[in-house]
Amino acid sequence: MDAEDFLEPDELEPRPASGIDPDSLQYKEACDGCATHLSWVDVCFVCSHECTWCPDCAEGYGMVCPNCSGELVRRPRRTQPVRRV
């Protein structure tokens, strides 16, 4: 990457007033494989397209998303639920 690949501060879009980026990671509430309920504090796994898998399904797929072949990594946990505007 070159310096030209980065945006200047005045080119960045402002954050919403809520402080929550609407494009940030979406926390799905169910496993894409078995539909097990997943709360925002549960351990689960996501790919770069945010396909969401419970630990059992993720391990069953060898930690590779069956939808996009992306690596499944542990979804970061939040310390509290976030309300989107």
PDB file of N, CA and C in Angstrom:
ATOM      1  N   MET A   1       0.840  -1.189   0.000  1.00  0.00           N
ATOM      2  CA  MET A   1       0.000   0.000   0.000  1.00  0.00           C
ATOM      3  C   MET A   1       0.875   1.239   0.000  1.00  0.00           C
ATOM      4  N   ASP A   2       0.380   2.221  -0.689  1.00  0.00           N
ATOM      5  CA  ASP A   2       1.059   3.506  -0.734  1.00  0.00           C
ATOM      6  C   ASP A   2       0.250   4.516   0.060  1.00  0.00           C
ATOM      7  N   ALA A   3       0.858   5.659   0.324  1.00  0.00           N
ATOM      8  CA  ALA A   3       0.179   6.717   1.073  1.00  0.00           C
ATOM      9  C   ALA A   3      -1.099   7.154   0.369  1.00  0.00           C
ATOM     10  N   GLU A   4      -1.137   7.028  -0.969  1.00  0.00           N
ATOM     11  CA  GLU A   4      -2.326   7.434  -1.717  1.00  0.00           C
ATOM     12  C   GLU A   4      -3.519   6.517  -1.450  1.00  0.00           C
ATOM     13  N   ASP A   5      -3.267   5.322  -0.884  1.00  0.00           N
ATOM     14  CA  ASP A   5      -4.330   4.362  -0.629  1.00  0.00           C
ATOM     15  C   ASP A   5      -5.167   4.706   0.601  1.00  0.00           C
ATOM     16  N   PHE A   6      -4.746   5.681   1.379  1.00  0.00           N
ATOM     17  CA  PHE A   6      -5.438   6.026   2.608  1.00  0.00           C
ATOM     18  C   PHE A   6      -6.200   7.333   2.440  1.00  0.00           C
ATOM     19  N   LEU A   7      -7.356   7.420   3.092  1.00  0.00           N
ATOM     20  CA  LEU A   7      -8.151   8.637   3.046  1.00  0.00           C
ATOM     21  C   LEU A   7      -7.562   9.686   3.978  1.00  0.00           C
ATOM     22  N   GLU A   8      -7.717  10.921   3.585  1.00  0.00           N
ATOM     23  CA  GLU A   8      -7.348  12.029   4.444  1.00  0.00           C
ATOM     24  C   GLU A   8      -8.451  12.198   5.492  1.00  0.00           C
ATOM     25  N   PRO A   9      -8.134  12.757   6.673  1.00  0.00           N
ATOM     26  CA  PRO A   9      -9.166  12.915   7.715  1.00  0.00           C
ATOM     27  C   PRO A   9     -10.416  13.631   7.240  1.00  0.00           C
ATOM     28  N   ASP A  10     -10.278  14.632   6.364  1.00  0.00           N
ATOM     29  CA  ASP A  10     -11.459  15.362   5.902  1.00  0.00           C
ATOM     30  C   ASP A  10     -12.274  14.572   4.875  1.00  0.00           C
ATOM     31  N   GLU A  11     -11.760  13.423   4.407  1.00  0.00           N
ATOM     32  CA  GLU A  11     -12.484  12.580   3.465  1.00  0.00           C
ATOM     33  C   GLU A  11     -13.300  11.491   4.156  1.00  0.00           C
ATOM     34  N   LEU A  12     -13.090  11.313   5.452  1.00  0.00           N
ATOM     35  CA  LEU A  12     -13.805  10.284   6.198  1.00  0.00           C
ATOM     36  C   LEU A  12     -15.239  10.724   6.454  1.00  0.00           C
ATOM     37  N   GLU A  13     -16.160   9.753   6.392  1.00  0.00           N
ATOM     38  CA  GLU A  13     -17.551  10.059   6.695  1.00  0.00           C
ATOM     39  C   GLU A  13     -17.709  10.186   8.198  1.00  0.00           C
ATOM     40  N   PRO A  14     -18.480  11.161   8.659  1.00  0.00           N
ATOM     41  CA  PRO A  14     -18.663  11.320  10.101  1.00  0.00           C
ATOM     42  C   PRO A  14     -19.425  10.140  10.693  1.00  0.00           C
ATOM     43  N   ARG A  15     -19.139   9.846  11.950  1.00  0.00           N
ATOM     44  CA  ARG A  15     -19.861   8.786  12.668  1.00  0.00           C
ATOM     45  C   ARG A  15     -21.253   9.279  13.019  1.00  0.00           C
ATOM     46  N   PRO A  16     -22.198   8.370  13.091  1.00  0.00           N
ATOM     47  CA  PRO A  16     -23.550   8.772  13.517  1.00  0.00           C
ATOM     48  C   PRO A  16     -23.524   9.327  14.944  1.00  0.00           C
ATOM     49  N   ALA A  17     -24.506  10.124  15.283  1.00  0.00           N
ATOM     50  CA  ALA A  17     -24.566  10.744  16.610  1.00  0.00           C
ATOM     51  C   ALA A  17     -24.558   9.716  17.723  1.00  0.00           C
ATOM     52  N   SER A  18     -25.077   8.515  17.458  1.00  0.00           N
ATOM     53  CA  SER A  18     -25.133   7.481  18.495  1.00  0.00           C
ATOM     54  C   SER A  18     -23.751   6.939  18.835  1.00  0.00           C
ATOM     55  N   GLY A  19     -22.765   7.200  17.959  1.00  0.00           N
ATOM     56  CA  GLY A  19     -21.431   6.661  18.179  1.00  0.00           C
ATOM     57  C   GLY A  19     -21.281   5.239  17.670  1.00  0.00           C
ATOM     58  N   ILE A  20     -22.361   4.627  17.187  1.00  0.00           N
ATOM     59  CA  ILE A  20     -22.326   3.261  16.671  1.00  0.00           C
ATOM     60  C   ILE A  20     -22.271   3.323  15.154  1.00  0.00           C
ATOM     61  N   ASP A  21     -21.270   2.732  14.599  1.00  0.00           N
ATOM     62  CA  ASP A  21     -21.128   2.686  13.154  1.00  0.00           C
ATOM     63  C   ASP A  21     -22.156   1.697  12.607  1.00  0.00           C
ATOM     64  N   PRO A  22     -23.091   2.129  11.753  1.00  0.00           N
ATOM     65  CA  PRO A  22     -24.109   1.204  11.244  1.00  0.00           C
ATOM     66  C   PRO A  22     -23.513   0.087  10.388  1.00  0.00           C
ATOM     67  N   ASP A  23     -22.282   0.264   9.936  1.00  0.00           N
ATOM     68  CA  ASP A  23     -21.621  -0.769   9.145  1.00  0.00           C
ATOM     69  C   ASP A  23     -20.786  -1.712   9.998  1.00  0.00           C
ATOM     70  N   SER A  24     -20.832  -1.550  11.322  1.00  0.00           N
ATOM     71  CA  SER A  24     -20.043  -2.415  12.189  1.00  0.00           C
ATOM     72  C   SER A  24     -20.621  -3.827  12.210  1.00  0.00           C
ATOM     73  N   LEU A  25     -19.907  -4.724  12.825  1.00  0.00           N
ATOM     74  CA  LEU A  25     -20.276  -6.126  12.880  1.00  0.00           C
ATOM     75  C   LEU A  25     -21.714  -6.314  13.359  1.00  0.00           C
ATOM     76  N   GLN A  26     -22.501  -7.024  12.565  1.00  0.00           N
ATOM     77  CA  GLN A  26     -23.886  -7.327  12.927  1.00  0.00           C
ATOM     78  C   GLN A  26     -23.893  -8.571  13.808  1.00  0.00           C
ATOM     79  N   TYR A  27     -24.549  -8.524  14.915  1.00  0.00           N
ATOM     80  CA  TYR A  27     -24.612  -9.663  15.822  1.00  0.00           C
ATOM     81  C   TYR A  27     -25.881 -10.451  15.552  1.00  0.00           C
ATOM     82  N   LYS A  28     -25.774 -11.489  14.751  1.00  0.00           N
ATOM     83  CA  LYS A  28     -26.933 -12.336  14.478  1.00  0.00           C
ATOM     84  C   LYS A  28     -27.284 -13.114  15.732  1.00  0.00           C
ATOM     85  N   GLU A  29     -28.525 -13.450  15.884  1.00  0.00           N
ATOM     86  CA  GLU A  29     -28.997 -14.098  17.105  1.00  0.00           C
ATOM     87  C   GLU A  29     -29.240 -15.581  16.955  1.00  0.00           C
ATOM     88  N   ALA A  30     -28.852 -16.179  15.824  1.00  0.00           N
ATOM     89  CA  ALA A  30     -29.039 -17.620  15.634  1.00  0.00           C
ATOM     90  C   ALA A  30     -27.924 -18.171  14.755  1.00  0.00           C
ATOM     91  N   CYS A  31     -27.576 -19.416  15.011  1.00  0.00           N
ATOM     92  CA  CYS A  31     -26.583 -20.109  14.210  1.00  0.00           C
ATOM     93  C   CYS A  31     -27.138 -20.326  12.805  1.00  0.00           C
ATOM     94  N   ASP A  32     -26.323 -20.056  11.788  1.00  0.00           N
ATOM     95  CA  ASP A  32     -26.752 -20.258  10.410  1.00  0.00           C
ATOM     96  C   ASP A  32     -26.906 -21.738  10.069  1.00  0.00           C
ATOM     97  N   GLY A  33     -26.327 -22.604  10.884  1.00  0.00           N
ATOM     98  CA  GLY A  33     -26.409 -24.033  10.603  1.00  0.00           C
ATOM     99  C   GLY A  33     -27.570 -24.724  11.283  1.00  0.00           C
ATOM    100  N   CYS A  34     -27.675 -24.563  12.593  1.00  0.00           N
ATOM    101  CA  CYS A  34     -28.673 -25.318  13.357  1.00  0.00           C
ATOM    102  C   CYS A  34     -29.739 -24.444  14.004  1.00  0.00           C
ATOM    103  N   ALA A  35     -29.655 -23.142  13.815  1.00  0.00           N
ATOM    104  CA  ALA A  35     -30.625 -22.174  14.346  1.00  0.00           C
ATOM    105  C   ALA A  35     -30.609 -22.052  15.867  1.00  0.00           C
ATOM    106  N   THR A  36     -29.569 -22.559  16.524  1.00  0.00           N
ATOM    107  CA  THR A  36     -29.433 -22.381  17.965  1.00  0.00           C
ATOM    108  C   THR A  36     -29.389 -20.896  18.291  1.00  0.00           C
ATOM    109  N   HIS A  37     -30.123 -20.467  19.328  1.00  0.00           N
ATOM    110  CA  HIS A  37     -30.118 -19.063  19.740  1.00  0.00           C
ATOM    111  C   HIS A  37     -28.721 -18.685  20.240  1.00  0.00           C
ATOM    112  N   LEU A  38     -28.231 -17.537  19.803  1.00  0.00           N
ATOM    113  CA  LEU A  38     -26.933 -17.017  20.236  1.00  0.00           C
ATOM    114  C   LEU A  38     -27.135 -15.593  20.741  1.00  0.00           C
ATOM    115  N   SER A  39     -26.899 -15.385  22.019  1.00  0.00           N
ATOM    116  CA  SER A  39     -27.014 -14.022  22.543  1.00  0.00           C
ATOM    117  C   SER A  39     -25.713 -13.270  22.269  1.00  0.00           C
ATOM    118  N   TRP A  40     -25.709 -12.005  22.593  1.00  0.00           N
ATOM    119  CA  TRP A  40     -24.537 -11.175  22.332  1.00  0.00           C
ATOM    120  C   TRP A  40     -23.357 -11.525  23.226  1.00  0.00           C
ATOM    121  N   VAL A  41     -23.560 -12.387  24.230  1.00  0.00           N
ATOM    122  CA  VAL A  41     -22.444 -12.804  25.086  1.00  0.00           C
ATOM    123  C   VAL A  41     -22.006 -14.242  24.819  1.00  0.00           C
ATOM    124  N   ASP A  42     -22.730 -14.975  23.975  1.00  0.00           N
ATOM    125  CA  ASP A  42     -22.371 -16.359  23.687  1.00  0.00           C
ATOM    126  C   ASP A  42     -21.149 -16.454  22.782  1.00  0.00           C
ATOM    127  N   VAL A  43     -20.382 -17.504  22.983  1.00  0.00           N
ATOM    128  CA  VAL A  43     -19.269 -17.791  22.093  1.00  0.00           C
ATOM    129  C   VAL A  43     -19.841 -18.301  20.779  1.00  0.00           C
ATOM    130  N   CYS A  44     -19.426 -17.702  19.690  1.00  0.00           N
ATOM    131  CA  CYS A  44     -19.797 -18.187  18.372  1.00  0.00           C
ATOM    132  C   CYS A  44     -18.725 -17.745  17.389  1.00  0.00           C
ATOM    133  N   PHE A  45     -18.857 -18.168  16.146  1.00  0.00           N
ATOM    134  CA  PHE A  45     -17.825 -17.938  15.152  1.00  0.00           C
ATOM    135  C   PHE A  45     -18.426 -17.291  13.919  1.00  0.00           C
ATOM    136  N   VAL A  46     -17.657 -16.396  13.280  1.00  0.00           N
ATOM    137  CA  VAL A  46     -18.111 -15.675  12.092  1.00  0.00           C
ATOM    138  C   VAL A  46     -17.027 -15.721  11.015  1.00  0.00           C
ATOM    139  N   CYS A  47     -17.466 -15.561   9.775  1.00  0.00           N
ATOM    140  CA  CYS A  47     -16.523 -15.403   8.660  1.00  0.00           C
ATOM    141  C   CYS A  47     -16.499 -13.920   8.291  1.00  0.00           C
ATOM    142  N   SER A  48     -15.773 -13.560   7.255  1.00  0.00           N
ATOM    143  CA  SER A  48     -15.676 -12.157   6.865  1.00  0.00           C
ATOM    144  C   SER A  48     -16.994 -11.613   6.310  1.00  0.00           C
ATOM    145  N   HIS A  49     -17.931 -12.492   5.942  1.00  0.00           N
ATOM    146  CA  HIS A  49     -19.248 -12.061   5.473  1.00  0.00           C
ATOM    147  C   HIS A  49     -20.289 -12.087   6.590  1.00  0.00           C
ATOM    148  N   GLU A  50     -19.827 -12.344   7.818  1.00  0.00           N
ATOM    149  CA  GLU A  50     -20.652 -12.367   9.017  1.00  0.00           C
ATOM    150  C   GLU A  50     -21.632 -13.523   9.076  1.00  0.00           C
ATOM    151  N   CYS A  51     -21.356 -14.596   8.320  1.00  0.00           N
ATOM    152  CA  CYS A  51     -22.102 -15.828   8.554  1.00  0.00           C
ATOM    153  C   CYS A  51     -21.772 -16.225   9.986  1.00  0.00           C
ATOM    154  N   THR A  52     -22.746 -16.673  10.729  1.00  0.00           N
ATOM    155  CA  THR A  52     -22.587 -16.897  12.166  1.00  0.00           C
ATOM    156  C   THR A  52     -22.854 -18.352  12.502  1.00  0.00           C
ATOM    157  N   TRP A  53     -21.960 -18.950  13.279  1.00  0.00           N
ATOM    158  CA  TRP A  53     -22.031 -20.381  13.589  1.00  0.00           C
ATOM    159  C   TRP A  53     -21.797 -20.619  15.076  1.00  0.00           C
ATOM    160  N   CYS A  54     -22.556 -21.545  15.644  1.00  0.00           N
ATOM    161  CA  CYS A  54     -22.318 -21.967  17.025  1.00  0.00           C
ATOM    162  C   CYS A  54     -21.018 -22.774  17.047  1.00  0.00           C
ATOM    163  N   PRO A  55     -20.414 -22.989  18.214  1.00  0.00           N
ATOM    164  CA  PRO A  55     -19.164 -23.742  18.286  1.00  0.00           C
ATOM    165  C   PRO A  55     -19.264 -25.144  17.681  1.00  0.00           C
ATOM    166  N   ASP A  56     -20.368 -25.849  17.920  1.00  0.00           N
ATOM    167  CA  ASP A  56     -20.502 -27.208  17.383  1.00  0.00           C
ATOM    168  C   ASP A  56     -20.512 -27.220  15.856  1.00  0.00           C
ATOM    169  N   CYS A  57     -21.275 -26.317  15.251  1.00  0.00           N
ATOM    170  CA  CYS A  57     -21.325 -26.259  13.786  1.00  0.00           C
ATOM    171  C   CYS A  57     -19.987 -25.802  13.214  1.00  0.00           C
ATOM    172  N   ALA A  58     -19.371 -24.794  13.836  1.00  0.00           N
ATOM    173  CA  ALA A  58     -18.077 -24.300  13.348  1.00  0.00           C
ATOM    174  C   ALA A  58     -17.030 -25.422  13.350  1.00  0.00           C
ATOM    175  N   GLU A  59     -16.983 -26.174  14.434  1.00  0.00           N
ATOM    176  CA  GLU A  59     -16.036 -27.296  14.496  1.00  0.00           C
ATOM    177  C   GLU A  59     -16.397 -28.367  13.477  1.00  0.00           C
ATOM    178  N   GLY A  60     -17.684 -28.607  13.289  1.00  0.00           N
ATOM    179  CA  GLY A  60     -18.133 -29.598  12.322  1.00  0.00           C
ATOM    180  C   GLY A  60     -17.740 -29.242  10.889  1.00  0.00           C
ATOM    181  N   TYR A  61     -17.639 -27.949  10.611  1.00  0.00           N
ATOM    182  CA  TYR A  61     -17.225 -27.493   9.279  1.00  0.00           C
ATOM    183  C   TYR A  61     -15.718 -27.270   9.202  1.00  0.00           C
ATOM    184  N   GLY A  62     -14.991 -27.703  10.224  1.00  0.00           N
ATOM    185  CA  GLY A  62     -13.539 -27.559  10.203  1.00  0.00           C
ATOM    186  C   GLY A  62     -13.081 -26.112  10.277  1.00  0.00           C
ATOM    187  N   MET A  63     -13.883 -25.253  10.901  1.00  0.00           N
ATOM    188  CA  MET A  63     -13.596 -23.831  11.059  1.00  0.00           C
ATOM    189  C   MET A  63     -13.481 -23.105   9.706  1.00  0.00           C
ATOM    190  N   VAL A  64     -14.212 -23.617   8.704  1.00  0.00           N
ATOM    191  CA  VAL A  64     -14.277 -22.993   7.376  1.00  0.00           C
ATOM    192  C   VAL A  64     -15.751 -22.798   7.046  1.00  0.00           C
ATOM    193  N   CYS A  65     -16.123 -21.584   6.671  1.00  0.00           N
ATOM    194  CA  CYS A  65     -17.516 -21.282   6.357  1.00  0.00           C
ATOM    195  C   CYS A  65     -17.961 -22.063   5.122  1.00  0.00           C
ATOM    196  N   PRO A  66     -19.046 -22.842   5.235  1.00  0.00           N
ATOM    197  CA  PRO A  66     -19.519 -23.592   4.076  1.00  0.00           C
ATOM    198  C   PRO A  66     -20.182 -22.694   3.018  1.00  0.00           C
ATOM    199  N   ASN A  67     -20.524 -21.461   3.392  1.00  0.00           N
ATOM    200  CA  ASN A  67     -21.155 -20.537   2.447  1.00  0.00           C
ATOM    201  C   ASN A  67     -20.141 -19.858   1.526  1.00  0.00           C
ATOM    202  N   CYS A  68     -18.984 -19.477   2.100  1.00  0.00           N
ATOM    203  CA  CYS A  68     -18.035 -18.669   1.322  1.00  0.00           C
ATOM    204  C   CYS A  68     -16.604 -19.189   1.369  1.00  0.00           C
ATOM    205  N   SER A  69     -16.383 -20.278   2.086  1.00  0.00           N
ATOM    206  CA  SER A  69     -15.048 -20.868   2.264  1.00  0.00           C
ATOM    207  C   SER A  69     -14.113 -19.973   3.061  1.00  0.00           C
ATOM    208  N   GLY A  70     -14.661 -19.001   3.766  1.00  0.00           N
ATOM    209  CA  GLY A  70     -13.843 -18.119   4.599  1.00  0.00           C
ATOM    210  C   GLY A  70     -13.516 -18.764   5.937  1.00  0.00           C
ATOM    211  N   GLU A  71     -12.449 -18.291   6.545  1.00  0.00           N
ATOM    212  CA  GLU A  71     -12.043 -18.778   7.860  1.00  0.00           C
ATOM    213  C   GLU A  71     -13.077 -18.362   8.902  1.00  0.00           C
ATOM    214  N   LEU A  72     -13.420 -19.276   9.792  1.00  0.00           N
ATOM    215  CA  LEU A  72     -14.315 -18.948  10.900  1.00  0.00           C
ATOM    216  C   LEU A  72     -13.465 -18.582  12.103  1.00  0.00           C
ATOM    217  N   VAL A  73     -13.722 -17.398  12.648  1.00  0.00           N
ATOM    218  CA  VAL A  73     -12.993 -16.912  13.820  1.00  0.00           C
ATOM    219  C   VAL A  73     -13.992 -16.554  14.905  1.00  0.00           C
ATOM    220  N   ARG A  74     -13.527 -16.551  16.140  1.00  0.00           N
ATOM    221  CA  ARG A  74     -14.414 -16.250  17.262  1.00  0.00           C
ATOM    222  C   ARG A  74     -14.930 -14.819  17.148  1.00  0.00           C
ATOM    223  N   ARG A  75     -16.240 -14.684  17.266  1.00  0.00           N
ATOM    224  CA  ARG A  75     -16.858 -13.358  17.218  1.00  0.00           C
ATOM    225  C   ARG A  75     -16.502 -12.621  18.501  1.00  0.00           C
ATOM    226  N   PRO A  76     -16.047 -11.379  18.396  1.00  0.00           N
ATOM    227  CA  PRO A  76     -15.743 -10.629  19.621  1.00  0.00           C
ATOM    228  C   PRO A  76     -17.019 -10.408  20.420  1.00  0.00           C
ATOM    229  N   ARG A  77     -16.887 -10.471  21.734  1.00  0.00           N
ATOM    230  CA  ARG A  77     -18.060 -10.276  22.587  1.00  0.00           C
ATOM    231  C   ARG A  77     -18.141  -8.825  23.016  1.00  0.00           C
ATOM    232  N   ARG A  78     -19.352  -8.340  23.149  1.00  0.00           N
ATOM    233  CA  ARG A  78     -19.572  -6.985  23.641  1.00  0.00           C
ATOM    234  C   ARG A  78     -19.794  -7.031  25.138  1.00  0.00           C
ATOM    235  N   THR A  79     -19.527  -5.915  25.798  1.00  0.00           N
ATOM    236  CA  THR A  79     -19.733  -5.862  27.243  1.00  0.00           C
ATOM    237  C   THR A  79     -21.165  -5.501  27.598  1.00  0.00           C
ATOM    238  N   GLN A  80     -21.917  -5.017  26.607  1.00  0.00           N
ATOM    239  CA  GLN A  80     -23.326  -4.703  26.814  1.00  0.00           C
ATOM    240  C   GLN A  80     -24.013  -4.667  25.452  1.00  0.00           C
ATOM    241  N   PRO A  81     -25.322  -4.877  25.407  1.00  0.00           N
ATOM    242  CA  PRO A  81     -26.015  -4.834  24.119  1.00  0.00           C
ATOM    243  C   PRO A  81     -25.974  -3.433  23.531  1.00  0.00           C
ATOM    244  N   VAL A  82     -26.035  -3.352  22.214  1.00  0.00           N
ATOM    245  CA  VAL A  82     -25.984  -2.068  21.524  1.00  0.00           C
ATOM    246  C   VAL A  82     -27.287  -1.879  20.770  1.00  0.00           C
ATOM    247  N   ARG A  83     -27.867  -0.704  20.921  1.00  0.00           N
ATOM    248  CA  ARG A  83     -29.081  -0.370  20.179  1.00  0.00           C
ATOM    249  C   ARG A  83     -28.663   0.400  18.942  1.00  0.00           C
ATOM    250  N   ARG A  84     -29.137  -0.086  17.814  1.00  0.00           N
ATOM    251  CA  ARG A  84     -28.836   0.585  16.546  1.00  0.00           C
ATOM    252  C   ARG A  84     -29.936   1.594  16.262  1.00  0.00           C
ATOM    253  N   VAL A  85     -29.551   2.691  15.640  1.00  0.00           N
ATOM    254  CA  VAL A  85     -30.527   3.728  15.304  1.00  0.00           C
ATOM    255  C   VAL A  85     -30.926   3.637  13.869  1.00  0.00           C
TER     256      VAL A  85
END
